[in-house]
Protein backbone atom coordinates (compact mmCIF):
# COMPACT_ATOMS: atom_id res chain seq x y z
CA MET A 1 -0.03 -0.17 0.38
CA MET A 2 1.17 3.42 -1.02
CA SER A 3 1.66 5.91 2.06
CA LEU A 4 2.89 9.52 1.98
CA PHE A 5 5.53 8.60 3.99
CA SER A 6 6.96 5.98 1.66
CA ASN A 7 9.89 5.85 0.06
CA GLN A 8 9.30 3.49 -3.00
CA LYS A 9 8.65 5.13 -6.30
CA THR A 10 5.07 5.99 -7.39
CA PRO A 11 3.80 5.17 -10.82
CA TRP A 12 2.93 7.94 -12.93
CA PRO A 13 -0.96 7.93 -13.18
CA LEU A 14 -1.05 7.37 -9.50
CA LEU A 15 1.60 10.25 -8.94
CA LEU A 16 -0.78 12.54 -10.89
CA VAL A 17 -3.88 11.50 -9.02
CA THR A 18 -2.04 11.67 -5.81
CA LEU A 19 -0.83 15.32 -6.71
CA VAL A 20 -4.76 16.75 -7.55
CA LEU A 21 -5.53 15.48 -4.20
CA MET A 22 -2.85 17.03 -2.42
CA GLN A 23 -2.98 19.91 -3.94
CA ALA A 24 -6.81 20.05 -3.15
CA SER A 25 -6.20 19.60 0.54
CA TRP A 26 -3.38 22.01 1.00
CA ALA A 27 -4.72 24.89 -0.71
CA VAL A 28 -4.15 26.87 1.83
CA ALA A 29 -0.64 25.30 2.98
CA ALA A 30 2.22 24.00 1.33
CA PRO A 31 2.86 20.08 1.67
CA VAL A 32 4.56 18.89 4.74
CA ARG A 33 7.80 17.47 4.21
CA TRP A 34 7.50 13.88 6.16
CA ILE A 35 11.13 12.89 7.17
CA SER A 36 11.31 9.31 7.39
CA ASN A 37 15.14 9.10 8.76
CA PRO A 38 15.65 9.68 12.81
CA ASP A 39 19.18 11.22 12.41
CA GLU A 40 18.13 13.23 9.56
CA ALA A 41 15.18 14.43 11.55
CA LYS A 42 17.48 15.46 14.56
CA LEU A 43 20.25 17.18 12.29
CA ILE A 44 17.10 19.09 10.55
CA GLN A 45 15.85 20.23 14.08
CA ALA A 46 19.14 21.26 15.67
CA GLU A 47 19.70 23.58 12.56
CA LYS A 48 16.42 25.18 12.58
CA LYS A 49 15.55 25.11 16.26
CA LYS A 50 12.57 24.45 15.77
CA PRO A 51 9.64 22.13 17.68
CA ALA A 52 9.12 18.64 16.45
CA VAL A 53 6.45 16.37 15.60
CA ILE A 54 7.19 12.75 15.62
CA PHE A 55 4.48 10.34 14.17
CA PHE A 56 5.13 6.94 15.21
CA PHE A 57 2.84 4.72 12.90
CA ASN A 58 2.76 1.23 11.55
CA GLU A 59 1.28 -0.26 8.06
CA GLN A 60 -0.36 -2.94 9.49
CA ALA A 61 -2.55 -0.60 12.08
CA ARG A 62 -5.48 0.66 10.84
CA PRO A 63 -5.69 3.38 13.41
CA ALA A 64 -2.57 4.72 12.18
CA MET A 65 -3.03 4.61 8.51
CA GLN A 66 -6.30 6.39 9.09
CA MET A 67 -4.32 8.77 11.09
CA GLN A 68 -1.98 9.08 7.95
CA THR A 69 -4.55 9.74 5.57
CA GLU A 70 -7.12 11.50 6.85
CA THR A 71 -5.97 13.95 9.63
CA MET A 72 -2.44 14.09 8.77
CA ALA A 73 -3.74 15.34 5.21
CA ASN A 74 -6.12 17.96 6.52
CA SER A 75 -5.77 21.00 5.36
CA GLU A 76 -5.86 23.06 8.96
CA VAL A 77 -3.32 20.24 10.00
CA THR A 78 -1.09 20.81 7.28
CA ALA A 79 -0.91 24.62 7.73
CA ARG A 80 -0.02 24.33 11.20
CA LEU A 81 2.82 21.93 10.47
CA GLY A 82 4.49 24.32 8.67
CA ASP A 83 5.91 25.65 12.32
CA PHE A 84 7.36 22.09 13.24
CA VAL A 85 9.88 20.02 12.12
CA CYS A 86 8.21 16.92 10.79
CA ALA A 87 9.37 12.94 11.39
CA ALA A 88 7.33 9.83 10.17
CA ILE A 89 8.51 6.79 11.78
CA ASP A 90 7.31 2.98 11.23
CA GLN A 91 7.49 1.51 14.56
CA ALA A 92 8.23 -1.76 13.02
CA ALA A 93 11.13 -0.63 11.65
CA HIS A 94 12.74 1.47 14.56
CA PRO A 95 11.39 -0.62 17.33
CA ASP A 96 14.52 0.88 19.71
CA MET A 97 13.14 4.19 19.13
CA ALA A 98 9.50 3.06 20.20
CA GLY A 99 11.19 1.91 23.15
CA THR A 100 12.86 4.81 24.09
CA TYR A 101 9.55 7.22 24.04
CA LYS A 102 7.82 4.43 25.80
CA LEU A 103 5.25 3.87 23.24
CA VAL A 104 1.77 2.27 24.68
CA LYS A 105 0.61 1.75 21.11
CA VAL A 106 0.45 3.63 17.39
CA PRO A 107 -0.74 5.89 16.24
CA THR A 108 1.41 8.08 18.81
CA VAL A 109 2.60 11.66 18.36
CA VAL A 110 5.18 12.81 20.03
CA PHE A 111 6.10 16.37 20.57
CA LEU A 112 9.48 17.89 21.25
CA ASP A 113 10.76 21.24 22.08
CA ALA A 114 13.63 22.98 20.02
CA GLU A 115 15.99 21.25 22.06
CA GLY A 116 14.75 18.01 21.30
CA LYS A 117 12.95 17.12 24.75
CA GLU A 118 9.37 15.59 25.17
CA ILE A 119 6.48 17.95 26.02
CA ASP A 120 3.47 16.24 24.71
CA ARG A 121 2.04 13.45 23.41
CA ALA A 122 -1.23 12.36 21.58
CA VAL A 123 -1.96 8.81 21.77
CA GLY A 124 -4.25 6.94 19.34
CA ASN A 125 -6.10 8.02 16.27
CA LYS A 126 -6.93 11.45 16.58
CA PRO A 127 -9.38 13.60 14.25
CA ALA A 128 -8.12 16.60 12.84
CA SER A 129 -10.65 18.53 15.03
CA GLU A 130 -9.02 17.28 17.95
CA PHE A 131 -5.06 17.25 16.72
CA VAL A 132 -5.16 20.88 15.91
CA ARG A 133 -5.42 21.76 19.79
CA TYR A 134 -2.32 19.96 20.19
CA LEU A 135 -0.64 22.12 17.69
CA ASP A 136 -2.28 25.46 18.26
CA ARG A 137 -1.21 24.93 22.22
CA ILE A 138 2.46 24.16 21.41
CA SER A 139 2.56 26.91 18.97
CA SER A 140 1.06 29.08 21.55
CA ALA A 141 3.32 27.99 24.47
CA PHE A 142 6.37 28.93 21.98
CA ARG A 143 4.79 32.24 21.18
CA THR A 144 4.63 32.97 24.92
CA LYS A 145 7.43 31.13 25.99
CA ALA A 146 5.39 29.01 28.54
CA VAL A 147 7.25 26.10 27.46
CA ASP A 148 9.28 25.40 30.22
CA SER A 149 7.60 27.95 32.86
CA GLU A 150 5.48 26.79 35.59
CA ILE A 151 2.19 27.80 33.69
CA SER A 152 3.23 25.22 31.07
CA PRO A 153 -0.04 24.24 29.26
CA PHE A 154 0.98 20.88 29.00
CA LYS A 155 0.62 19.35 32.57
CA VAL A 156 -2.87 18.45 31.12
CA ALA A 157 -4.47 16.59 28.19
CA ALA A 158 -5.22 18.70 25.29
CA VAL A 159 -8.81 17.57 24.85
CA ASP A 160 -10.85 17.91 27.81
CA ILE A 161 -12.78 14.72 28.52
CA LEU A 162 -14.75 16.23 31.47
CA THR A 163 -17.10 18.35 29.78
CA ALA A 164 -19.73 17.77 27.43
CA GLN A 165 -19.28 18.58 23.56
CA THR A 166 -21.92 18.70 20.88
CA ASP A 167 -20.19 15.81 19.38
CA THR A 168 -19.37 13.67 22.46
CA ILE A 169 -21.18 10.70 24.47
CA SER A 170 -21.37 10.73 27.86
CA THR A 171 -19.78 7.55 29.74
CA ASN A 172 -20.20 6.56 33.05
CA LEU A 173 -17.34 4.84 35.19
CA ALA A 174 -17.05 3.13 38.41
CA PHE A 175 -14.35 1.35 39.99
CA TYR A 176 -14.39 -0.46 43.15
CA ALA A 177 -11.30 0.22 45.55
CA ALA A 178 -12.58 0.66 49.22
CA ASP A 179 -8.85 0.97 50.56
CA ALA A 180 -7.63 3.05 47.91
CA LYS A 181 -6.54 6.90 49.03
CA GLN A 182 -6.33 8.00 44.79
CA VAL A 183 -7.65 6.29 41.66
CA PHE A 184 -6.48 7.92 38.32
CA ILE A 185 -8.44 6.76 35.18
CA VAL A 186 -5.54 6.59 32.71
CA GLY A 187 -6.12 5.79 28.64
CA ASP A 188 -6.11 7.01 24.83
CA PHE A 189 -8.83 9.56 25.55
CA ASN A 190 -5.97 11.72 28.13
CA ASP A 191 -3.14 10.58 26.58
CA TRP A 192 -2.17 7.91 29.19
CA ARG A 193 -1.20 10.77 31.72
CA VAL A 194 -1.04 9.27 34.92
CA ASP A 195 -2.12 12.34 36.95
CA ALA A 196 -4.69 13.91 34.32
CA THR A 197 -7.83 12.84 35.41
CA PRO A 198 -8.90 11.55 39.06
CA MET A 199 -11.88 9.91 39.76
CA ASN A 200 -14.31 10.62 42.70
CA LYS A 201 -14.45 8.44 45.82
CA ALA A 202 -18.11 7.49 47.43
CA GLU A 203 -19.16 6.17 50.92
CA ASN A 204 -19.56 2.92 49.25
CA GLY A 205 -15.77 2.64 47.95
CA PHE A 206 -16.64 3.19 44.49
CA TRP A 207 -14.56 5.69 42.43
CA ASN A 208 -16.74 7.31 39.75
CA ILE A 209 -16.52 9.45 36.80
CA THR A 210 -18.51 10.97 33.73
CA LEU A 211 -16.26 11.12 30.61
CA HIS A 212 -17.31 12.88 27.20
CA LEU A 213 -15.99 11.20 24.76
CA ALA A 214 -16.24 11.22 20.94
CA SER A 215 -17.51 8.14 18.71
CA GLY A 216 -14.60 5.97 18.67
CA ILE A 217 -12.39 2.95 20.59
CA TYR A 218 -10.52 3.93 23.28
CA GLU A 219 -7.95 1.90 25.75
CA TYR A 220 -7.63 2.39 29.20
CA MET A 221 -7.06 1.14 32.62
CA TYR A 222 -7.23 2.32 36.42
CA LEU A 223 -4.11 3.54 38.52
CA VAL A 224 -4.46 2.76 41.70
CA ASP A 225 -2.10 4.69 44.35
CA GLY A 226 0.26 5.73 41.80
CA GLU A 227 1.44 2.03 41.81
CA THR A 228 -0.87 -0.45 40.06
CA TYR A 229 -2.70 -0.50 36.90
CA GLN A 230 -5.76 -2.54 36.53
CA PRO A 231 -8.52 -3.05 34.10
CA ASP A 232 -12.17 -2.72 34.11
CA PRO A 233 -13.22 -6.04 35.97
CA THR A 234 -16.93 -5.14 34.86
CA ASN A 235 -15.94 -4.47 31.05
CA PRO A 236 -15.65 -7.34 28.82
CA PHE A 237 -14.24 -5.75 26.22
CA LYS A 238 -10.23 -6.27 26.13
CA LYS A 239 -7.26 -5.61 24.06
CA GLN A 240 -3.64 -7.49 24.61
CA ASN A 241 -1.15 -4.80 25.63
CA ARG A 242 2.50 -5.13 25.02
CA TYR A 243 3.14 -5.89 28.47
CA GLY A 244 1.37 -9.25 28.23
CA GLY A 245 -1.81 -8.23 29.75
CA ALA A 246 -4.88 -6.81 28.71
CA ASN A 247 -6.40 -2.85 28.52
CA SER A 248 -10.17 -2.66 28.80
CA VAL A 249 -11.40 -1.09 26.03
CA LEU A 250 -14.61 1.51 25.44
CA LEU A 251 -16.52 1.69 22.56
CA ILE A 252 -18.32 4.80 21.84
CA GLY A 253 -20.83 5.46 19.18
CA ASN A 254 -20.82 2.33 16.65
CA PRO A 255 -17.03 2.04 15.86
CA ARG A 256 -15.75 -0.87 13.31
CA VAL A 257 -15.16 -3.94 15.17
CA SER A 258 -14.60 -7.64 13.70
CA PRO A 259 -16.08 -10.06 13.16
CA VAL A 260 -19.43 -9.09 11.62
CA VAL A 261 -22.06 -11.44 13.05
CA THR A 262 -25.38 -11.70 11.36
CA GLY A 263 -27.94 -14.58 11.97
CA ASN A 264 -25.65 -17.79 11.88
CA SER A 265 -23.40 -16.34 9.36
CA VAL A 266 -19.71 -14.44 10.28
CA MET A 267 -17.97 -12.04 8.24
CA PHE A 268 -14.15 -11.73 8.88
CA ARG A 269 -12.05 -8.78 8.35
CA LEU A 270 -8.47 -7.89 8.30
CA TYR A 271 -6.48 -5.05 7.35
CA GLU A 272 -3.27 -5.94 6.41
CA PRO A 273 -1.78 -4.46 3.30
CA ASN A 274 1.19 -6.06 3.31
CA ALA A 275 0.30 -10.02 3.44
CA SER A 276 0.94 -12.58 0.77
CA GLU A 277 -1.48 -14.80 2.14
CA ILE A 278 -4.09 -14.92 5.13
CA SER A 279 -6.51 -17.94 6.62
CA VAL A 280 -8.62 -18.02 9.61
CA ALA A 281 -9.09 -20.79 11.78
CA GLY A 282 -11.06 -21.34 15.07
CA SER A 283 -13.05 -23.76 16.99
CA PHE A 284 -16.48 -22.95 14.82
CA ASN A 285 -14.73 -25.56 12.75
CA ASN A 286 -12.14 -27.48 14.59
CA TRP A 287 -9.19 -25.07 13.90
CA ALA A 288 -9.25 -25.65 10.07
CA ALA A 289 -7.81 -23.18 8.09
CA PHE A 290 -9.79 -21.52 5.40
CA THR A 291 -8.79 -18.91 2.94
CA MET A 292 -9.57 -15.51 2.89
CA PHE A 293 -9.58 -12.85 -0.03
CA ARG A 294 -8.39 -9.62 -1.03
CA ASN A 295 -10.72 -6.84 -1.39
CA GLU A 296 -11.04 -6.16 -5.03
CA LYS A 297 -12.07 -1.91 -4.37
CA ASP A 298 -9.60 -1.90 -1.36
CA PRO A 299 -6.38 -4.79 -1.83
CA ALA A 300 -5.48 -3.90 1.95
CA GLU A 301 -8.37 -5.52 3.44
CA TRP A 302 -9.16 -9.18 3.75
CA GLY A 303 -12.27 -10.87 4.36
CA VAL A 304 -14.61 -14.11 4.21
CA ARG A 305 -17.96 -15.26 4.96
CA TYR A 306 -18.56 -18.46 6.87
CA ASP A 307 -21.85 -19.79 7.12
CA ASN A 308 -24.20 -21.78 9.32
CA VAL A 309 -22.31 -21.41 12.70
CA PRO A 310 -24.51 -22.80 15.44
CA ALA A 311 -25.30 -20.94 18.60
CA GLY A 312 -22.41 -20.64 21.05
CA THR A 313 -19.25 -18.82 21.38
CA TYR A 314 -16.01 -19.28 19.90
CA GLN A 315 -12.16 -18.80 19.85
CA TYR A 316 -10.29 -17.83 16.53
CA LYS A 317 -6.85 -16.33 15.10
CA PHE A 318 -5.84 -15.03 11.72
CA ILE A 319 -3.07 -16.78 9.93
CA ILE A 320 -1.14 -14.37 8.40
CA ASP A 321 1.73 -15.66 6.15
CA GLY A 322 2.07 -18.39 8.21
CA VAL A 323 1.69 -16.69 11.86
CA TRP A 324 -1.17 -16.92 14.19
CA THR A 325 -2.47 -13.37 15.18
CA MET A 326 -5.03 -12.56 17.03
CA ASP A 327 -7.91 -10.18 15.57
CA PRO A 328 -6.51 -6.46 15.87
CA GLU A 329 -10.35 -5.05 15.56
CA ASN A 330 -11.67 -7.64 17.86
CA TYR A 331 -12.14 -6.80 21.70
CA THR A 332 -13.73 -9.80 23.26
CA PRO A 333 -10.86 -12.45 23.66
CA GLY A 334 -11.09 -15.63 25.00
CA TYR A 335 -8.53 -18.06 26.37
CA ASP A 336 -8.37 -22.31 25.48
CA SER A 337 -7.27 -24.98 27.51
CA ASN A 338 -3.32 -24.15 27.59
CA ASN A 339 -4.64 -20.33 28.59
CA THR A 340 -3.75 -18.99 25.22
CA MET A 341 -5.32 -15.93 24.48
CA ASN A 342 -7.59 -16.00 21.23
CA SER A 343 -10.07 -13.62 19.79
CA SER A 344 -13.90 -14.91 19.99
CA PHE A 345 -17.13 -14.16 18.93
CA THR A 346 -21.01 -15.29 20.01
CA ILE A 347 -23.55 -16.38 18.05
CA LYS A 348 -26.68 -16.11 19.64
């Protein structure tokens, strides 16, 4: 799949179409130069003495590709990115760099000051309407020299999740920890800031909070007394994290999830632009792999339908070029007899 950040050569017909689309998107701003080499980005930033944007992506992650093609190409965003040195780093190609910045997930955007010090970050797929808030407050802080002062704006998340907006949905969460002295909720919605969103303790031992979130998918955990991260025990939706555990997941509005169950039929879908062969296997067919097919209209997407599945709960995995993999857009994990985590679905 060709991307804005690819070093591959683009066929001339596709290049012409791309340039026309780019010209329309950047009607009020020049195209942004995205640097894919971390060392080159450091040298340019040192020379220009400008703040920097590091966009960590992965071509196998649909949210990262959506943020690339939608948010980063938005005219309001590109108009503001002219104030920054911009680097687009493939997390899979630069795991050491991803480890240095302790990435929770991709996409993640790390913002650096003119000296290369991290001052802010945006975790998860941010729509353009939200992402401009990050850029605006950084530009404002540099103009007012508030970056390193006591009035630095970066002690809180850029997006207000505690106040209702016209495009948000209210979500009430409660967590029982009667002996805890302090509980914070941390997640994609506040960029995993450990002290950004405290919860309120009730007399019954529950800690409560109401979040106002735009439609989408958000991973989160509870941080108890500044030491222990715990998933939400009342939330069945989870996703495996890089530390061997699982984050809780909020599904707000009507986001895309997988698979799609209709009656006794199951449609499996997977976003995987670089694979040569994909199949799916599960307990619904005694783990016998069967082939998935590319979408002719979108070759990055694969799919297949399986019919006549009896009522019940089943586990499955994708086999991507021989590697068994959980469904990245499934948030209902199950465990087999060996305590191995798989993706699951239910036929009612």
